[in-house]
Amino acid sequence: YLGEPSPHSWPSRSSYFGVMDTCCFPKDSYYFYKSFWSSDPVLHIFPHWNFEGKEGETLQVLAYTNLKEAELFLNGKSQGKKVYDNNNGEHLYWDVKYEPGELKAVGYDKDGNEIIDTVYTAYEPATIELTVDRDEIEANNIDLCYVTATVKDKFGHIVPHIPVDIEFVSEELNVIAVDNGDQEYVGVLHSNKIPSFCGNALAIVSANKKGNFKLTAKAKGLKVNTVTVKCN
């Protein structure tokens, strides 16, 4: 069950609601709720900063935060400091003339510690970074490991705007399913291949024998990366 796509129609195949997608990757709204209900300092700016062809146009940058104020910088130049109060509604925002580069928000928690969130204009995809929710599972074909593949450029910045066809390969691990969180992706999920969406994709793996086994993520023209899962 993937949820109703209403009010959207084909090719929408799952719900657009919720603070996480079908991979449990956080959406921007995740940080909105976290800023209200978490005691941890939260500062999250969005959208991404890849808008080729819109140089000089005014774009709105938003921040979800539980800090009292935050200052936004574009390529080191201050875009102003915003104070979190009722006049701003439930978020902070800046109107910024777009230019590629580094977009950084800086705030301070109640103890005076600096809190930073940064978004970069990404270059072409260069590599796939793999992370696991845990690197040790039982070799019973039931225990599962969730592997996140993140597409990054040559500087290590996530590439959110260019889909990359990813293939997950392993001689010993079983790739049970894949997903990317895209509500309009209608490909086969019981597969080992899937395009990235907003820079990410997910593989779910299991094993039926013991050992330290590698999972490799491949994509045309990108650096091949692997992750090791210990199967007991």
C-alpha atoms as a PDB file:
ATOM      1  CA  TYR A   1       0.000   0.000   0.000  1.00  0.00           C
ATOM      2  CA  LEU A   2       1.548   3.307  -1.118  1.00  0.00           C
ATOM      3  CA  GLY A   3      -1.222   5.780  -0.238  1.00  0.00           C
ATOM      4  CA  GLU A   4      -3.781   7.662  -2.330  1.00  0.00           C
ATOM      5  CA  PRO A   5      -2.315  10.047  -4.928  1.00  0.00           C
ATOM      6  CA  SER A   6      -5.484  12.173  -4.750  1.00  0.00           C
ATOM      7  CA  PRO A   7      -6.001  14.899  -5.933  1.00  0.00           C
ATOM      8  CA  HIS A   8      -3.395  14.018  -8.559  1.00  0.00           C
ATOM      9  CA  SER A   9      -3.825  11.568 -11.423  1.00  0.00           C
ATOM     10  CA  TRP A  10      -1.619   9.218 -13.412  1.00  0.00           C
ATOM     11  CA  PRO A  11       1.320   8.849 -13.348  1.00  0.00           C
ATOM     12  CA  SER A  12       1.025   9.678  -9.642  1.00  0.00           C
ATOM     13  CA  ARG A  13       1.012   6.371  -7.782  1.00  0.00           C
ATOM     14  CA  SER A  14       1.455   7.250  -4.104  1.00  0.00           C
ATOM     15  CA  SER A  15       0.559   9.828  -1.499  1.00  0.00           C
ATOM     16  CA  TYR A  16       2.082  13.305  -1.554  1.00  0.00           C
ATOM     17  CA  PHE A  17       1.226  13.782   2.111  1.00  0.00           C
ATOM     18  CA  GLY A  18       3.377  13.236   5.167  1.00  0.00           C
ATOM     19  CA  VAL A  19       6.741  14.510   6.322  1.00  0.00           C
ATOM     20  CA  MET A  20       8.696  11.604   4.790  1.00  0.00           C
ATOM     21  CA  ASP A  21       8.486   9.916   1.409  1.00  0.00           C
ATOM     22  CA  THR A  22       8.112   6.182   0.776  1.00  0.00           C
ATOM     23  CA  CYS A  23      11.851   5.686   1.444  1.00  0.00           C
ATOM     24  CA  CYS A  24      11.532   7.512   4.781  1.00  0.00           C
ATOM     25  CA  PHE A  25      13.713  10.299   3.401  1.00  0.00           C
ATOM     26  CA  PRO A  26      12.707  13.526   5.202  1.00  0.00           C
ATOM     27  CA  LYS A  27      10.854  16.175   3.216  1.00  0.00           C
ATOM     28  CA  ASP A  28      11.253  19.871   3.996  1.00  0.00           C
ATOM     29  CA  SER A  29       8.092  19.725   6.110  1.00  0.00           C
ATOM     30  CA  TYR A  30       9.834  17.195   8.377  1.00  0.00           C
ATOM     31  CA  TYR A  31      11.945  20.040   9.724  1.00  0.00           C
ATOM     32  CA  PHE A  32       8.880  22.242  10.181  1.00  0.00           C
ATOM     33  CA  TYR A  33       7.435  19.766  12.684  1.00  0.00           C
ATOM     34  CA  LYS A  34      10.831  19.103  14.221  1.00  0.00           C
ATOM     35  CA  SER A  35      11.275  22.820  14.864  1.00  0.00           C
ATOM     36  CA  PHE A  36       8.096  22.772  16.956  1.00  0.00           C
ATOM     37  CA  TRP A  37       8.384  19.467  18.770  1.00  0.00           C
ATOM     38  CA  SER A  38      12.110  18.837  19.217  1.00  0.00           C
ATOM     39  CA  SER A  39      14.265  20.258  21.983  1.00  0.00           C
ATOM     40  CA  ASP A  40      17.275  20.054  19.634  1.00  0.00           C
ATOM     41  CA  PRO A  41      18.218  23.224  17.717  1.00  0.00           C
ATOM     42  CA  VAL A  42      16.748  23.134  14.203  1.00  0.00           C
ATOM     43  CA  LEU A  43      17.741  25.269  11.217  1.00  0.00           C
ATOM     44  CA  HIS A  44      16.759  24.053   7.751  1.00  0.00           C
ATOM     45  CA  ILE A  45      16.776  26.202   4.602  1.00  0.00           C
ATOM     46  CA  PHE A  46      15.265  25.361   1.234  1.00  0.00           C
ATOM     47  CA  PRO A  47      14.792  24.971  -1.723  1.00  0.00           C
ATOM     48  CA  HIS A  48      17.893  23.516  -3.379  1.00  0.00           C
ATOM     49  CA  TRP A  49      20.057  26.056  -5.184  1.00  0.00           C
ATOM     50  CA  ASN A  50      20.216  24.777  -8.765  1.00  0.00           C
ATOM     51  CA  PHE A  51      18.197  27.156 -10.925  1.00  0.00           C
ATOM     52  CA  GLU A  52      20.158  27.496 -14.142  1.00  0.00           C
ATOM     53  CA  GLY A  53      18.709  30.180 -16.382  1.00  0.00           C
ATOM     54  CA  LYS A  54      17.204  32.179 -13.504  1.00  0.00           C
ATOM     55  CA  GLU A  55      20.286  34.250 -12.710  1.00  0.00           C
ATOM     56  CA  GLY A  56      19.222  37.654 -11.420  1.00  0.00           C
ATOM     57  CA  GLU A  57      15.642  36.577 -10.738  1.00  0.00           C
ATOM     58  CA  THR A  58      14.255  36.956  -7.219  1.00  0.00           C
ATOM     59  CA  LEU A  59      13.637  33.647  -5.463  1.00  0.00           C
ATOM     60  CA  GLN A  60      12.250  33.071  -1.984  1.00  0.00           C
ATOM     61  CA  VAL A  61      14.396  31.160   0.498  1.00  0.00           C
ATOM     62  CA  LEU A  62      12.629  29.743   3.526  1.00  0.00           C
ATOM     63  CA  ALA A  63      13.894  28.453   6.850  1.00  0.00           C
ATOM     64  CA  TYR A  64      12.244  26.200   9.375  1.00  0.00           C
ATOM     65  CA  THR A  65      13.839  26.855  12.740  1.00  0.00           C
ATOM     66  CA  ASN A  66      13.305  27.019  16.487  1.00  0.00           C
ATOM     67  CA  LEU A  67      16.094  29.558  16.891  1.00  0.00           C
ATOM     68  CA  LYS A  68      15.182  33.138  17.749  1.00  0.00           C
ATOM     69  CA  GLU A  69      16.801  34.514  14.614  1.00  0.00           C
ATOM     70  CA  ALA A  70      18.914  33.566  11.613  1.00  0.00           C
ATOM     71  CA  GLU A  71      21.050  35.391   9.075  1.00  0.00           C
ATOM     72  CA  LEU A  72      21.276  34.293   5.444  1.00  0.00           C
ATOM     73  CA  PHE A  73      24.415  34.597   3.313  1.00  0.00           C
ATOM     74  CA  LEU A  74      24.758  34.148  -0.449  1.00  0.00           C
ATOM     75  CA  ASN A  75      28.374  33.598  -1.456  1.00  0.00           C
ATOM     76  CA  GLY A  76      29.454  35.286   1.776  1.00  0.00           C
ATOM     77  CA  LYS A  77      27.240  38.359   1.356  1.00  0.00           C
ATOM     78  CA  SER A  78      24.568  38.894   4.001  1.00  0.00           C
ATOM     79  CA  GLN A  79      20.972  38.821   2.804  1.00  0.00           C
ATOM     80  CA  GLY A  80      19.758  40.113   6.142  1.00  0.00           C
ATOM     81  CA  LYS A  81      18.896  38.827   9.578  1.00  0.00           C
ATOM     82  CA  LYS A  82      15.374  37.605  10.292  1.00  0.00           C
ATOM     83  CA  VAL A  83      13.809  37.393  13.744  1.00  0.00           C
ATOM     84  CA  TYR A  84      11.434  34.545  14.470  1.00  0.00           C
ATOM     85  CA  ASP A  85       8.176  36.074  15.735  1.00  0.00           C
ATOM     86  CA  ASN A  86       4.476  36.081  14.950  1.00  0.00           C
ATOM     87  CA  ASN A  87       4.962  38.627  12.161  1.00  0.00           C
ATOM     88  CA  ASN A  88       6.853  36.006  10.132  1.00  0.00           C
ATOM     89  CA  GLY A  89       4.231  33.318  10.528  1.00  0.00           C
ATOM     90  CA  GLU A  90       5.704  29.905  11.232  1.00  0.00           C
ATOM     91  CA  HIS A  91       8.936  30.243   9.257  1.00  0.00           C
ATOM     92  CA  LEU A  92      11.593  32.727   8.216  1.00  0.00           C
ATOM     93  CA  TYR A  93      12.021  33.838   4.616  1.00  0.00           C
ATOM     94  CA  TRP A  94      14.224  35.990   2.428  1.00  0.00           C
ATOM     95  CA  ASP A  95      13.761  37.301  -1.118  1.00  0.00           C
ATOM     96  CA  VAL A  96      17.086  36.646  -2.834  1.00  0.00           C
ATOM     97  CA  LYS A  97      18.354  37.412  -6.328  1.00  0.00           C
ATOM     98  CA  TYR A  98      19.594  34.094  -7.631  1.00  0.00           C
ATOM     99  CA  GLU A  99      23.234  33.490  -8.381  1.00  0.00           C
ATOM    100  CA  PRO A 100      24.952  30.089  -8.228  1.00  0.00           C
ATOM    101  CA  GLY A 101      27.157  29.240  -5.283  1.00  0.00           C
ATOM    102  CA  GLU A 102      26.793  28.815  -1.540  1.00  0.00           C
ATOM    103  CA  LEU A 103      23.618  29.651   0.363  1.00  0.00           C
ATOM    104  CA  LYS A 104      24.204  29.572   4.131  1.00  0.00           C
ATOM    105  CA  ALA A 105      22.001  30.293   7.133  1.00  0.00           C
ATOM    106  CA  VAL A 106      23.571  31.025  10.516  1.00  0.00           C
ATOM    107  CA  GLY A 107      21.814  31.146  13.879  1.00  0.00           C
ATOM    108  CA  TYR A 108      22.568  30.582  17.549  1.00  0.00           C
ATOM    109  CA  ASP A 109      20.976  28.283  20.121  1.00  0.00           C
ATOM    110  CA  LYS A 110      20.121  29.282  23.701  1.00  0.00           C
ATOM    111  CA  ASP A 111      23.687  28.531  24.802  1.00  0.00           C
ATOM    112  CA  GLY A 112      25.197  30.728  22.118  1.00  0.00           C
ATOM    113  CA  ASN A 113      26.400  27.870  19.941  1.00  0.00           C
ATOM    114  CA  GLU A 114      26.489  28.595  16.209  1.00  0.00           C
ATOM    115  CA  ILE A 115      24.008  26.550  14.147  1.00  0.00           C
ATOM    116  CA  ILE A 116      24.564  26.428  10.371  1.00  0.00           C
ATOM    117  CA  ASP A 117      22.698  24.987   7.415  1.00  0.00           C
ATOM    118  CA  THR A 118      24.182  25.251   3.935  1.00  0.00           C
ATOM    119  CA  VAL A 119      22.892  24.556   0.424  1.00  0.00           C
ATOM    120  CA  TYR A 120      25.200  24.527  -2.599  1.00  0.00           C
ATOM    121  CA  THR A 121      24.728  24.824  -6.320  1.00  0.00           C
ATOM    122  CA  ALA A 122      25.735  21.356  -7.499  1.00  0.00           C
ATOM    123  CA  TYR A 123      27.873  20.498 -10.495  1.00  0.00           C
ATOM    124  CA  GLU A 124      27.447  17.405 -12.680  1.00  0.00           C
ATOM    125  CA  PRO A 125      27.114  14.037 -10.875  1.00  0.00           C
ATOM    126  CA  ALA A 126      30.497  12.498 -10.101  1.00  0.00           C
ATOM    127  CA  THR A 127      30.013   9.771  -7.506  1.00  0.00           C
ATOM    128  CA  ILE A 128      27.498   7.823  -5.450  1.00  0.00           C
ATOM    129  CA  GLU A 129      27.861   7.832  -1.671  1.00  0.00           C
ATOM    130  CA  LEU A 130      26.468   4.782   0.126  1.00  0.00           C
ATOM    131  CA  THR A 131      25.276   4.704   3.735  1.00  0.00           C
ATOM    132  CA  VAL A 132      23.507   1.962   5.688  1.00  0.00           C
ATOM    133  CA  ASP A 133      20.976   2.092   8.502  1.00  0.00           C
ATOM    134  CA  ARG A 134      23.064  -0.690  10.109  1.00  0.00           C
ATOM    135  CA  ASP A 135      26.052  -2.647   8.852  1.00  0.00           C
ATOM    136  CA  GLU A 136      25.286  -5.950  10.590  1.00  0.00           C
ATOM    137  CA  ILE A 137      22.297  -8.241   9.971  1.00  0.00           C
ATOM    138  CA  GLU A 138      21.290 -11.858  10.491  1.00  0.00           C
ATOM    139  CA  ALA A 139      21.830 -14.206   7.542  1.00  0.00           C
ATOM    140  CA  ASN A 140      18.275 -15.541   7.501  1.00  0.00           C
ATOM    141  CA  ASN A 141      16.810 -13.788   4.420  1.00  0.00           C
ATOM    142  CA  ILE A 142      14.410 -11.997   6.783  1.00  0.00           C
ATOM    143  CA  ASP A 143      16.616  -9.434   8.500  1.00  0.00           C
ATOM    144  CA  LEU A 144      17.015  -6.386   6.273  1.00  0.00           C
ATOM    145  CA  CYS A 145      19.546  -3.633   5.691  1.00  0.00           C
ATOM    146  CA  TYR A 146      18.496  -0.329   4.125  1.00  0.00           C
ATOM    147  CA  VAL A 147      21.164   1.246   1.922  1.00  0.00           C
ATOM    148  CA  THR A 148      20.872   4.885   0.864  1.00  0.00           C
ATOM    149  CA  ALA A 149      22.601   5.993  -2.319  1.00  0.00           C
ATOM    150  CA  THR A 150      23.273   9.728  -2.588  1.00  0.00           C
ATOM    151  CA  VAL A 151      24.435  11.274  -5.851  1.00  0.00           C
ATOM    152  CA  LYS A 152      27.158  13.890  -5.324  1.00  0.00           C
ATOM    153  CA  ASP A 153      29.291  16.151  -7.471  1.00  0.00           C
ATOM    154  CA  LYS A 154      33.086  16.399  -7.490  1.00  0.00           C
ATOM    155  CA  PHE A 155      33.014  18.611  -4.392  1.00  0.00           C
ATOM    156  CA  GLY A 156      30.809  16.251  -2.382  1.00  0.00           C
ATOM    157  CA  HIS A 157      27.632  18.301  -2.776  1.00  0.00           C
ATOM    158  CA  ILE A 158      24.357  16.458  -3.317  1.00  0.00           C
ATOM    159  CA  VAL A 159      22.986  16.700  -6.875  1.00  0.00           C
ATOM    160  CA  PRO A 160      19.208  17.125  -6.514  1.00  0.00           C
ATOM    161  CA  HIS A 161      18.244  18.132 -10.052  1.00  0.00           C
ATOM    162  CA  ILE A 162      19.795  15.482 -12.336  1.00  0.00           C
ATOM    163  CA  PRO A 163      18.364  11.934 -12.168  1.00  0.00           C
ATOM    164  CA  VAL A 164      20.991   9.198 -12.322  1.00  0.00           C
ATOM    165  CA  ASP A 165      20.213   5.585 -13.232  1.00  0.00           C
ATOM    166  CA  ILE A 166      21.672   3.496 -10.390  1.00  0.00           C
ATOM    167  CA  GLU A 167      22.276  -0.253 -10.397  1.00  0.00           C
ATOM    168  CA  PHE A 168      22.875  -2.085  -7.118  1.00  0.00           C
ATOM    169  CA  VAL A 169      25.063  -5.177  -7.522  1.00  0.00           C
ATOM    170  CA  SER A 170      26.263  -7.871  -5.094  1.00  0.00           C
ATOM    171  CA  GLU A 171      27.330 -11.484  -5.527  1.00  0.00           C
ATOM    172  CA  GLU A 172      26.254 -12.520  -2.014  1.00  0.00           C
ATOM    173  CA  LEU A 173      23.635 -10.001  -0.826  1.00  0.00           C
ATOM    174  CA  ASN A 174      20.094 -10.199  -2.148  1.00  0.00           C
ATOM    175  CA  VAL A 175      18.651  -6.910  -3.390  1.00  0.00           C
ATOM    176  CA  ILE A 176      15.032  -7.319  -2.288  1.00  0.00           C
ATOM    177  CA  ALA A 177      13.672  -4.010  -3.560  1.00  0.00           C
ATOM    178  CA  VAL A 178      14.505  -0.431  -4.526  1.00  0.00           C
ATOM    179  CA  ASP A 179      12.727   2.910  -4.258  1.00  0.00           C
ATOM    180  CA  ASN A 180      13.432   6.602  -4.682  1.00  0.00           C
ATOM    181  CA  GLY A 181      10.487   8.367  -3.049  1.00  0.00           C
ATOM    182  CA  ASP A 182       9.192   9.794  -6.328  1.00  0.00           C
ATOM    183  CA  GLN A 183       5.381   9.804  -6.275  1.00  0.00           C
ATOM    184  CA  GLU A 184       5.366   9.548 -10.070  1.00  0.00           C
ATOM    185  CA  TYR A 185       7.858   6.702 -10.452  1.00  0.00           C
ATOM    186  CA  VAL A 186       6.016   3.761 -12.002  1.00  0.00           C
ATOM    187  CA  GLY A 187       8.948   1.418 -12.556  1.00  0.00           C
ATOM    188  CA  VAL A 188       9.388  -1.972 -10.908  1.00  0.00           C
ATOM    189  CA  LEU A 189      10.334  -1.753  -7.227  1.00  0.00           C
ATOM    190  CA  HIS A 190      11.313  -5.435  -6.993  1.00  0.00           C
ATOM    191  CA  SER A 191      14.466  -4.721  -8.941  1.00  0.00           C
ATOM    192  CA  ASN A 192      18.095  -3.713  -8.488  1.00  0.00           C
ATOM    193  CA  LYS A 193      17.878  -0.660 -10.759  1.00  0.00           C
ATOM    194  CA  ILE A 194      16.255   2.726 -10.181  1.00  0.00           C
ATOM    195  CA  PRO A 195      16.872   6.401 -11.048  1.00  0.00           C
ATOM    196  CA  SER A 196      17.760   8.780  -8.252  1.00  0.00           C
ATOM    197  CA  PHE A 197      15.158  11.323  -7.181  1.00  0.00           C
ATOM    198  CA  CYS A 198      16.193  14.618  -5.571  1.00  0.00           C
ATOM    199  CA  GLY A 199      19.659  13.086  -5.331  1.00  0.00           C
ATOM    200  CA  ASN A 200      18.751   9.883  -3.484  1.00  0.00           C
ATOM    201  CA  ALA A 201      17.728   6.267  -3.993  1.00  0.00           C
ATOM    202  CA  LEU A 202      17.244   3.305  -1.675  1.00  0.00           C
ATOM    203  CA  ALA A 203      18.117  -0.391  -1.842  1.00  0.00           C
ATOM    204  CA  ILE A 204      16.804  -2.999   0.613  1.00  0.00           C
ATOM    205  CA  VAL A 205      19.055  -6.051   0.987  1.00  0.00           C
ATOM    206  CA  SER A 206      19.164  -9.357   2.859  1.00  0.00           C
ATOM    207  CA  ALA A 207      21.444 -12.412   2.982  1.00  0.00           C
ATOM    208  CA  ASN A 208      21.152 -16.170   3.396  1.00  0.00           C
ATOM    209  CA  LYS A 209      24.772 -16.960   4.258  1.00  0.00           C
ATOM    210  CA  LYS A 210      27.355 -15.684   6.710  1.00  0.00           C
ATOM    211  CA  GLY A 211      30.217 -13.346   5.884  1.00  0.00           C
ATOM    212  CA  ASN A 212      31.235  -9.782   5.163  1.00  0.00           C
ATOM    213  CA  PHE A 213      29.614  -8.922   1.856  1.00  0.00           C
ATOM    214  CA  LYS A 214      29.845  -5.897  -0.400  1.00  0.00           C
ATOM    215  CA  LEU A 215      27.081  -4.009  -2.185  1.00  0.00           C
ATOM    216  CA  THR A 216      28.142  -1.869  -5.138  1.00  0.00           C
ATOM    217  CA  ALA A 217      26.298   1.076  -6.662  1.00  0.00           C
ATOM    218  CA  LYS A 218      27.010   1.634 -10.341  1.00  0.00           C
ATOM    219  CA  ALA A 219      26.004   4.436 -12.700  1.00  0.00           C
ATOM    220  CA  LYS A 220      27.307   5.311 -16.146  1.00  0.00           C
ATOM    221  CA  GLY A 221      30.195   7.757 -15.964  1.00  0.00           C
ATOM    222  CA  LEU A 222      30.229   7.902 -12.150  1.00  0.00           C
ATOM    223  CA  LYS A 223      32.751   6.607  -9.654  1.00  0.00           C
ATOM    224  CA  VAL A 224      31.829   3.118  -8.401  1.00  0.00           C
ATOM    225  CA  ASN A 225      31.321   2.883  -4.636  1.00  0.00           C
ATOM    226  CA  THR A 226      30.722  -0.036  -2.283  1.00  0.00           C
ATOM    227  CA  VAL A 227      29.513  -0.637   1.248  1.00  0.00           C
ATOM    228  CA  THR A 228      30.114  -3.718   3.398  1.00  0.00           C
ATOM    229  CA  VAL A 229      27.421  -5.518   5.391  1.00  0.00           C
ATOM    230  CA  LYS A 230      28.328  -8.144   8.001  1.00  0.00           C
ATOM    231  CA  CYS A 231      25.940 -11.092   7.929  1.00  0.00           C
ATOM    232  CA  ASN A 232      25.888 -13.314  11.028  1.00  0.00           C
END
